[in-house]
Amino acid sequence: RVVGGEGGSAGSGVYIPALNVLASYPLGPYATVYQSEMFAINKCIAHLLEHGLTGQRICIFTDSQASIKGLKRPQTSSGLARETKYLARTLAQQNITVTLQWIPGHQELLGNPLSDTLARRGSSTIFQGPLPSIGIPRSLCQEKIKKWAIENL
């Protein structure tokens, strides 16, 4: 999930009550809403892998319909979506069934308020490391080039 922080920075939050995971991730100023939401799903799956679970049924709740659709597509141009699909396949190899379930955003459902708080914390935390934190989408690059051309040519 993403929340605009200081200077337009993005962040993601992950809450896994069964594993006592509460995590915030700053993503810097270039991450899109889609990337922030996909990043949260990616990190959720990564946490599940780290805990060495086997033979379980897991449901990941997200308010991002775009991320769910992106993960269902057979082909994607998003490296982050490809990585997330790879992690999900790795869980499947451990006999773990993963279901992505859409829930309405900003509702008092299933830890959603806590996830929103964690995302806000991530967006208000200064990203440490080289930018961009995740790949910049082609559409954002094209938008910036057009804007520059209009202003400078």
N, C-alpha and C. Protein backbone atom coordinates (compact mmCIF):
# COMPACT_ATOMS: atom_id res chain seq x y z
N ARG A 1 0.85 -1.18 0.00
CA ARG A 1 0.00 0.00 0.00
C ARG A 1 0.88 1.23 0.00
N VAL A 2 0.37 2.33 -0.47
CA VAL A 2 1.17 3.55 -0.60
C VAL A 2 0.45 4.71 0.05
N VAL A 3 1.22 5.58 0.62
CA VAL A 3 0.70 6.83 1.17
C VAL A 3 1.73 7.89 0.84
N GLY A 4 1.29 9.04 0.33
CA GLY A 4 2.23 10.11 0.04
C GLY A 4 2.83 10.67 1.31
N GLY A 5 4.12 10.65 1.41
CA GLY A 5 4.79 11.18 2.59
C GLY A 5 5.47 12.49 2.28
N GLU A 6 6.47 12.83 3.07
CA GLU A 6 7.23 14.05 2.86
C GLU A 6 7.84 14.04 1.46
N GLY A 7 7.65 15.10 0.71
CA GLY A 7 8.25 15.19 -0.62
C GLY A 7 7.69 14.20 -1.62
N GLY A 8 6.50 13.66 -1.37
CA GLY A 8 5.88 12.74 -2.31
C GLY A 8 6.46 11.34 -2.27
N SER A 9 7.11 10.97 -1.19
CA SER A 9 7.69 9.63 -1.09
C SER A 9 6.60 8.58 -0.90
N ALA A 10 6.90 7.37 -1.34
CA ALA A 10 5.98 6.25 -1.22
C ALA A 10 6.46 5.29 -0.15
N GLY A 11 5.53 4.50 0.35
CA GLY A 11 5.88 3.49 1.33
C GLY A 11 4.92 2.33 1.26
N SER A 12 5.35 1.20 1.78
CA SER A 12 4.52 0.01 1.85
C SER A 12 4.52 -0.51 3.28
N GLY A 13 3.43 -1.19 3.63
CA GLY A 13 3.33 -1.78 4.95
C GLY A 13 2.84 -3.22 4.85
N VAL A 14 3.38 -4.08 5.71
CA VAL A 14 2.99 -5.48 5.75
C VAL A 14 2.64 -5.85 7.19
N TYR A 15 1.49 -6.47 7.36
CA TYR A 15 1.05 -6.94 8.66
C TYR A 15 0.64 -8.41 8.53
N ILE A 16 1.34 -9.29 9.25
CA ILE A 16 1.01 -10.71 9.25
C ILE A 16 0.82 -11.12 10.71
N PRO A 17 -0.42 -11.08 11.19
CA PRO A 17 -0.66 -11.32 12.61
C PRO A 17 -0.19 -12.70 13.09
N ALA A 18 -0.37 -13.74 12.29
CA ALA A 18 0.00 -15.09 12.72
C ALA A 18 1.51 -15.24 12.93
N LEU A 19 2.30 -14.42 12.26
CA LEU A 19 3.76 -14.49 12.39
C LEU A 19 4.32 -13.31 13.17
N ASN A 20 3.43 -12.47 13.68
CA ASN A 20 3.84 -11.27 14.43
C ASN A 20 4.76 -10.36 13.60
N VAL A 21 4.42 -10.20 12.33
CA VAL A 21 5.20 -9.33 11.43
C VAL A 21 4.48 -8.00 11.27
N LEU A 22 5.17 -6.93 11.60
CA LEU A 22 4.72 -5.57 11.34
C LEU A 22 5.90 -4.87 10.69
N ALA A 23 5.80 -4.57 9.41
CA ALA A 23 6.96 -4.02 8.70
C ALA A 23 6.56 -2.82 7.85
N SER A 24 7.44 -1.82 7.84
CA SER A 24 7.27 -0.62 7.02
C SER A 24 8.45 -0.53 6.07
N TYR A 25 8.18 -0.11 4.84
CA TYR A 25 9.22 -0.01 3.83
C TYR A 25 9.14 1.34 3.12
N PRO A 26 10.16 2.18 3.25
CA PRO A 26 10.20 3.41 2.46
C PRO A 26 10.63 3.06 1.04
N LEU A 27 9.97 3.65 0.05
CA LEU A 27 10.27 3.33 -1.35
C LEU A 27 10.78 4.53 -2.14
N GLY A 28 10.86 5.69 -1.50
CA GLY A 28 11.39 6.86 -2.19
C GLY A 28 10.35 7.54 -3.06
N PRO A 29 10.78 8.57 -3.81
CA PRO A 29 9.84 9.41 -4.54
C PRO A 29 9.40 8.89 -5.90
N TYR A 30 9.99 7.81 -6.40
CA TYR A 30 9.69 7.38 -7.77
C TYR A 30 8.72 6.22 -7.86
N ALA A 31 8.43 5.55 -6.77
CA ALA A 31 7.54 4.39 -6.81
C ALA A 31 6.11 4.82 -7.08
N THR A 32 5.44 4.08 -7.95
CA THR A 32 4.04 4.35 -8.26
C THR A 32 3.15 3.65 -7.23
N VAL A 33 1.86 3.97 -7.27
CA VAL A 33 0.90 3.30 -6.39
C VAL A 33 0.94 1.80 -6.66
N TYR A 34 0.90 1.42 -7.94
CA TYR A 34 0.93 0.00 -8.31
C TYR A 34 2.18 -0.68 -7.75
N GLN A 35 3.33 -0.06 -7.92
CA GLN A 35 4.57 -0.65 -7.42
C GLN A 35 4.56 -0.78 -5.90
N SER A 36 4.04 0.22 -5.23
CA SER A 36 3.99 0.17 -3.77
C SER A 36 3.09 -0.95 -3.28
N GLU A 37 1.96 -1.13 -3.95
CA GLU A 37 1.04 -2.20 -3.58
C GLU A 37 1.65 -3.56 -3.89
N MET A 38 2.28 -3.69 -5.07
CA MET A 38 2.91 -4.96 -5.46
C MET A 38 4.08 -5.27 -4.53
N PHE A 39 4.82 -4.24 -4.14
CA PHE A 39 5.95 -4.42 -3.22
C PHE A 39 5.47 -5.01 -1.90
N ALA A 40 4.32 -4.53 -1.40
CA ALA A 40 3.77 -5.04 -0.14
C ALA A 40 3.44 -6.53 -0.27
N ILE A 41 2.84 -6.93 -1.38
CA ILE A 41 2.53 -8.35 -1.59
C ILE A 41 3.82 -9.16 -1.68
N ASN A 42 4.80 -8.62 -2.41
CA ASN A 42 6.10 -9.27 -2.56
C ASN A 42 6.74 -9.51 -1.19
N LYS A 43 6.76 -8.49 -0.36
CA LYS A 43 7.38 -8.61 0.95
C LYS A 43 6.60 -9.55 1.87
N CYS A 44 5.29 -9.56 1.73
CA CYS A 44 4.48 -10.48 2.52
C CYS A 44 4.87 -11.92 2.18
N ILE A 45 4.98 -12.23 0.89
CA ILE A 45 5.37 -13.58 0.47
C ILE A 45 6.79 -13.89 0.94
N ALA A 46 7.69 -12.91 0.85
CA ALA A 46 9.07 -13.11 1.30
C ALA A 46 9.11 -13.45 2.80
N HIS A 47 8.29 -12.77 3.60
CA HIS A 47 8.23 -13.08 5.03
C HIS A 47 7.73 -14.50 5.26
N LEU A 48 6.74 -14.92 4.48
CA LEU A 48 6.22 -16.28 4.61
C LEU A 48 7.31 -17.30 4.29
N LEU A 49 8.11 -17.03 3.25
CA LEU A 49 9.21 -17.93 2.89
C LEU A 49 10.26 -17.99 4.00
N GLU A 50 10.56 -16.84 4.59
CA GLU A 50 11.57 -16.79 5.66
C GLU A 50 11.18 -17.63 6.87
N HIS A 51 9.89 -17.78 7.10
CA HIS A 51 9.44 -18.53 8.27
C HIS A 51 9.37 -20.03 8.01
N GLY A 52 9.71 -20.46 6.81
CA GLY A 52 9.81 -21.89 6.52
C GLY A 52 8.52 -22.68 6.67
N LEU A 53 7.42 -22.07 6.34
CA LEU A 53 6.13 -22.76 6.44
C LEU A 53 6.02 -23.84 5.36
N THR A 54 5.30 -24.91 5.66
CA THR A 54 5.01 -25.93 4.65
C THR A 54 3.59 -26.43 4.87
N GLY A 55 2.96 -26.86 3.78
CA GLY A 55 1.64 -27.47 3.86
C GLY A 55 0.56 -26.60 4.46
N GLN A 56 0.56 -25.33 4.16
CA GLN A 56 -0.41 -24.40 4.74
C GLN A 56 -1.26 -23.77 3.65
N ARG A 57 -2.37 -23.21 4.07
CA ARG A 57 -3.21 -22.38 3.19
C ARG A 57 -3.10 -20.96 3.71
N ILE A 58 -2.66 -20.05 2.85
CA ILE A 58 -2.42 -18.66 3.23
C ILE A 58 -3.32 -17.76 2.40
N CYS A 59 -3.91 -16.77 3.04
CA CYS A 59 -4.70 -15.76 2.33
C CYS A 59 -4.05 -14.41 2.57
N ILE A 60 -3.69 -13.74 1.48
CA ILE A 60 -3.11 -12.40 1.56
C ILE A 60 -4.21 -11.42 1.17
N PHE A 61 -4.52 -10.52 2.09
CA PHE A 61 -5.55 -9.52 1.84
C PHE A 61 -4.90 -8.25 1.32
N THR A 62 -5.46 -7.69 0.26
CA THR A 62 -4.95 -6.46 -0.32
C THR A 62 -6.12 -5.63 -0.84
N ASP A 63 -5.94 -4.32 -0.81
CA ASP A 63 -6.97 -3.45 -1.40
C ASP A 63 -6.57 -3.03 -2.81
N SER A 64 -5.62 -3.73 -3.41
CA SER A 64 -5.13 -3.39 -4.75
C SER A 64 -5.63 -4.38 -5.79
N GLN A 65 -6.72 -4.00 -6.46
CA GLN A 65 -7.22 -4.83 -7.55
C GLN A 65 -6.21 -4.91 -8.69
N ALA A 66 -5.49 -3.82 -8.93
CA ALA A 66 -4.50 -3.79 -10.02
C ALA A 66 -3.40 -4.81 -9.78
N SER A 67 -2.95 -4.95 -8.55
CA SER A 67 -1.90 -5.93 -8.25
C SER A 67 -2.40 -7.35 -8.43
N ILE A 68 -3.61 -7.61 -7.99
CA ILE A 68 -4.19 -8.95 -8.16
C ILE A 68 -4.28 -9.28 -9.64
N LYS A 69 -4.80 -8.35 -10.44
CA LYS A 69 -4.90 -8.57 -11.89
C LYS A 69 -3.52 -8.73 -12.52
N GLY A 70 -2.56 -7.93 -12.07
CA GLY A 70 -1.21 -8.02 -12.61
C GLY A 70 -0.57 -9.37 -12.34
N LEU A 71 -0.84 -9.94 -11.19
CA LEU A 71 -0.27 -11.25 -10.85
C LEU A 71 -0.98 -12.39 -11.57
N LYS A 72 -2.22 -12.17 -12.00
CA LYS A 72 -2.96 -13.20 -12.73
C LYS A 72 -2.60 -13.23 -14.21
N ARG A 73 -2.06 -12.13 -14.73
CA ARG A 73 -1.69 -12.08 -16.15
C ARG A 73 -0.54 -13.05 -16.43
N PRO A 74 -0.61 -13.78 -17.57
CA PRO A 74 0.50 -14.68 -17.89
C PRO A 74 1.79 -13.93 -18.22
N GLN A 75 1.69 -12.76 -18.80
CA GLN A 75 2.86 -11.95 -19.17
C GLN A 75 2.74 -10.58 -18.50
N THR A 76 3.89 -10.04 -18.10
CA THR A 76 3.90 -8.70 -17.50
C THR A 76 5.21 -8.01 -17.83
N SER A 77 5.16 -6.70 -17.96
CA SER A 77 6.39 -5.93 -18.19
C SER A 77 7.01 -5.48 -16.87
N SER A 78 6.33 -5.73 -15.77
CA SER A 78 6.80 -5.30 -14.45
C SER A 78 7.76 -6.34 -13.86
N GLY A 79 9.00 -5.93 -13.65
CA GLY A 79 9.96 -6.82 -13.02
C GLY A 79 9.54 -7.20 -11.61
N LEU A 80 8.94 -6.26 -10.90
CA LEU A 80 8.48 -6.52 -9.54
C LEU A 80 7.36 -7.56 -9.54
N ALA A 81 6.44 -7.48 -10.51
CA ALA A 81 5.37 -8.47 -10.61
C ALA A 81 5.95 -9.84 -10.94
N ARG A 82 6.94 -9.89 -11.85
CA ARG A 82 7.58 -11.17 -12.18
C ARG A 82 8.25 -11.78 -10.94
N GLU A 83 8.95 -10.95 -10.19
CA GLU A 83 9.61 -11.43 -8.97
C GLU A 83 8.58 -11.94 -7.96
N THR A 84 7.48 -11.24 -7.82
CA THR A 84 6.43 -11.64 -6.88
C THR A 84 5.82 -12.97 -7.30
N LYS A 85 5.60 -13.15 -8.61
CA LYS A 85 5.07 -14.42 -9.11
C LYS A 85 6.06 -15.55 -8.84
N TYR A 86 7.34 -15.27 -9.00
CA TYR A 86 8.37 -16.27 -8.73
C TYR A 86 8.34 -16.69 -7.25
N LEU A 87 8.24 -15.70 -6.36
CA LEU A 87 8.17 -16.01 -4.93
C LEU A 87 6.92 -16.83 -4.60
N ALA A 88 5.80 -16.51 -5.25
CA ALA A 88 4.56 -17.26 -5.03
C ALA A 88 4.72 -18.71 -5.51
N ARG A 89 5.40 -18.90 -6.64
CA ARG A 89 5.65 -20.27 -7.12
C ARG A 89 6.55 -21.03 -6.14
N THR A 90 7.51 -20.32 -5.54
CA THR A 90 8.39 -20.95 -4.55
C THR A 90 7.57 -21.41 -3.34
N LEU A 91 6.61 -20.61 -2.92
CA LEU A 91 5.71 -21.04 -1.84
C LEU A 91 4.93 -22.28 -2.25
N ALA A 92 4.45 -22.29 -3.49
CA ALA A 92 3.67 -23.44 -3.98
C ALA A 92 4.51 -24.72 -3.95
N GLN A 93 5.80 -24.60 -4.23
CA GLN A 93 6.69 -25.76 -4.19
C GLN A 93 6.83 -26.30 -2.77
N GLN A 94 6.54 -25.49 -1.78
CA GLN A 94 6.58 -25.92 -0.38
C GLN A 94 5.19 -26.36 0.09
N ASN A 95 4.33 -26.67 -0.89
CA ASN A 95 2.98 -27.14 -0.61
C ASN A 95 2.17 -26.11 0.18
N ILE A 96 2.37 -24.84 -0.16
CA ILE A 96 1.62 -23.75 0.46
C ILE A 96 0.69 -23.16 -0.60
N THR A 97 -0.58 -23.15 -0.31
CA THR A 97 -1.56 -22.56 -1.21
C THR A 97 -1.76 -21.10 -0.82
N VAL A 98 -1.53 -20.21 -1.79
CA VAL A 98 -1.68 -18.77 -1.54
C VAL A 98 -2.89 -18.25 -2.31
N THR A 99 -3.74 -17.54 -1.61
CA THR A 99 -4.89 -16.88 -2.23
C THR A 99 -4.75 -15.39 -1.99
N LEU A 100 -4.92 -14.61 -3.06
CA LEU A 100 -4.97 -13.15 -2.93
C LEU A 100 -6.43 -12.76 -2.85
N GLN A 101 -6.80 -12.04 -1.82
CA GLN A 101 -8.19 -11.64 -1.61
C GLN A 101 -8.28 -10.12 -1.58
N TRP A 102 -9.13 -9.57 -2.45
CA TRP A 102 -9.33 -8.13 -2.46
C TRP A 102 -10.26 -7.74 -1.32
N ILE A 103 -9.92 -6.65 -0.64
CA ILE A 103 -10.79 -6.04 0.36
C ILE A 103 -10.87 -4.55 0.05
N PRO A 104 -11.97 -3.90 0.38
CA PRO A 104 -12.07 -2.46 0.13
C PRO A 104 -11.01 -1.69 0.91
N GLY A 105 -10.45 -0.69 0.29
CA GLY A 105 -9.43 0.13 0.94
C GLY A 105 -10.00 1.00 2.04
N HIS A 106 -9.14 1.33 2.98
CA HIS A 106 -9.46 2.26 4.07
C HIS A 106 -10.71 1.84 4.84
N GLN A 107 -10.86 0.54 5.01
CA GLN A 107 -11.96 -0.01 5.81
C GLN A 107 -11.38 -0.59 7.09
N GLU A 108 -12.21 -0.75 8.08
CA GLU A 108 -11.79 -1.33 9.35
C GLU A 108 -11.85 -2.86 9.25
N LEU A 109 -11.21 -3.42 8.24
CA LEU A 109 -11.27 -4.85 8.01
C LEU A 109 -9.90 -5.50 8.11
N LEU A 110 -9.83 -6.63 8.76
CA LEU A 110 -8.69 -7.55 8.68
C LEU A 110 -7.32 -6.90 8.76
N GLY A 111 -7.13 -6.00 9.67
CA GLY A 111 -5.81 -5.39 9.83
C GLY A 111 -5.52 -4.28 8.85
N ASN A 112 -6.51 -3.89 8.05
CA ASN A 112 -6.29 -2.84 7.05
C ASN A 112 -5.84 -1.52 7.67
N PRO A 113 -6.43 -1.07 8.79
CA PRO A 113 -5.95 0.18 9.39
C PRO A 113 -4.49 0.11 9.83
N LEU A 114 -4.08 -1.04 10.36
CA LEU A 114 -2.69 -1.19 10.78
C LEU A 114 -1.76 -1.20 9.57
N SER A 115 -2.17 -1.85 8.49
CA SER A 115 -1.38 -1.83 7.26
C SER A 115 -1.23 -0.41 6.73
N ASP A 116 -2.31 0.36 6.79
CA ASP A 116 -2.25 1.77 6.36
C ASP A 116 -1.27 2.56 7.22
N THR A 117 -1.30 2.32 8.53
CA THR A 117 -0.37 3.01 9.44
C THR A 117 1.07 2.64 9.11
N LEU A 118 1.33 1.36 8.87
CA LEU A 118 2.68 0.91 8.52
C LEU A 118 3.14 1.54 7.20
N ALA A 119 2.22 1.65 6.23
CA ALA A 119 2.57 2.27 4.95
C ALA A 119 2.90 3.75 5.14
N ARG A 120 2.11 4.44 5.96
CA ARG A 120 2.40 5.86 6.24
C ARG A 120 3.76 6.01 6.89
N ARG A 121 4.08 5.10 7.81
CA ARG A 121 5.39 5.13 8.45
C ARG A 121 6.49 4.94 7.40
N GLY A 122 6.28 4.02 6.48
CA GLY A 122 7.26 3.81 5.41
C GLY A 122 7.42 5.02 4.53
N SER A 123 6.31 5.67 4.19
CA SER A 123 6.38 6.83 3.29
C SER A 123 7.00 8.04 3.97
N SER A 124 6.92 8.10 5.30
CA SER A 124 7.50 9.25 6.00
C SER A 124 8.93 8.99 6.47
N THR A 125 9.43 7.79 6.21
CA THR A 125 10.81 7.45 6.55
C THR A 125 11.69 7.73 5.34
N ILE A 126 12.83 8.33 5.56
CA ILE A 126 13.74 8.63 4.45
C ILE A 126 14.33 7.34 3.93
N PHE A 127 14.23 7.15 2.62
CA PHE A 127 14.79 5.95 2.00
C PHE A 127 16.31 6.00 2.08
N GLN A 128 16.91 4.93 2.56
CA GLN A 128 18.37 4.83 2.66
C GLN A 128 18.86 3.91 1.55
N GLY A 129 19.67 4.41 0.67
CA GLY A 129 20.21 3.59 -0.41
C GLY A 129 20.09 4.31 -1.73
N PRO A 130 20.59 3.67 -2.77
CA PRO A 130 20.53 4.31 -4.09
C PRO A 130 19.10 4.33 -4.62
N LEU A 131 18.77 5.43 -5.25
CA LEU A 131 17.45 5.54 -5.89
C LEU A 131 17.60 5.21 -7.36
N PRO A 132 16.60 4.69 -8.01
CA PRO A 132 15.29 4.35 -7.44
C PRO A 132 15.36 3.06 -6.65
N SER A 133 14.49 2.94 -5.67
CA SER A 133 14.47 1.74 -4.84
C SER A 133 13.94 0.54 -5.61
N ILE A 134 13.01 0.78 -6.53
CA ILE A 134 12.52 -0.24 -7.45
C ILE A 134 12.45 0.41 -8.82
N GLY A 135 12.37 -0.40 -9.87
CA GLY A 135 12.43 0.13 -11.23
C GLY A 135 11.42 1.23 -11.51
N ILE A 136 11.83 2.20 -12.30
CA ILE A 136 10.94 3.29 -12.69
C ILE A 136 10.14 2.84 -13.91
N PRO A 137 8.82 2.92 -13.87
CA PRO A 137 8.01 2.49 -15.00
C PRO A 137 8.27 3.35 -16.24
N ARG A 138 8.20 2.71 -17.39
CA ARG A 138 8.40 3.41 -18.66
C ARG A 138 7.43 4.58 -18.79
N SER A 139 6.18 4.41 -18.37
CA SER A 139 5.18 5.48 -18.49
C SER A 139 5.60 6.72 -17.71
N LEU A 140 6.21 6.55 -16.55
CA LEU A 140 6.66 7.69 -15.76
C LEU A 140 7.81 8.40 -16.46
N CYS A 141 8.72 7.63 -17.04
CA CYS A 141 9.84 8.23 -17.80
C CYS A 141 9.30 9.04 -18.97
N GLN A 142 8.36 8.47 -19.72
CA GLN A 142 7.79 9.17 -20.86
C GLN A 142 7.09 10.45 -20.43
N GLU A 143 6.37 10.39 -19.32
CA GLU A 143 5.68 11.56 -18.80
C GLU A 143 6.67 12.67 -18.45
N LYS A 144 7.76 12.32 -17.80
CA LYS A 144 8.77 13.31 -17.40
C LYS A 144 9.46 13.91 -18.63
N ILE A 145 9.73 13.09 -19.64
CA ILE A 145 10.36 13.59 -20.87
C ILE A 145 9.43 14.56 -21.58
N LYS A 146 8.15 14.23 -21.69
CA LYS A 146 7.18 15.13 -22.32
C LYS A 146 7.10 16.45 -21.57
N LYS A 147 7.05 16.38 -20.25
CA LYS A 147 6.98 17.59 -19.43
C LYS A 147 8.22 18.45 -19.65
N TRP A 148 9.40 17.83 -19.67
CA TRP A 148 10.64 18.56 -19.89
C TRP A 148 10.62 19.22 -21.27
N ALA A 149 10.16 18.48 -22.30
CA ALA A 149 10.13 19.01 -23.66
C ALA A 149 9.21 20.22 -23.76
N ILE A 150 8.06 20.15 -23.13
CA ILE A 150 7.11 21.27 -23.15
C ILE A 150 7.71 22.49 -22.47
N GLU A 151 8.41 22.29 -21.37
CA GLU A 151 8.97 23.40 -20.62
C GLU A 151 10.25 23.97 -21.23
N ASN A 152 10.98 23.18 -21.99
CA ASN A 152 12.30 23.60 -22.45
C ASN A 152 12.46 23.74 -23.96
N LEU A 153 11.52 23.31 -24.73
CA LEU A 153 11.68 23.41 -26.19
C LEU A 153 10.73 24.42 -26.79
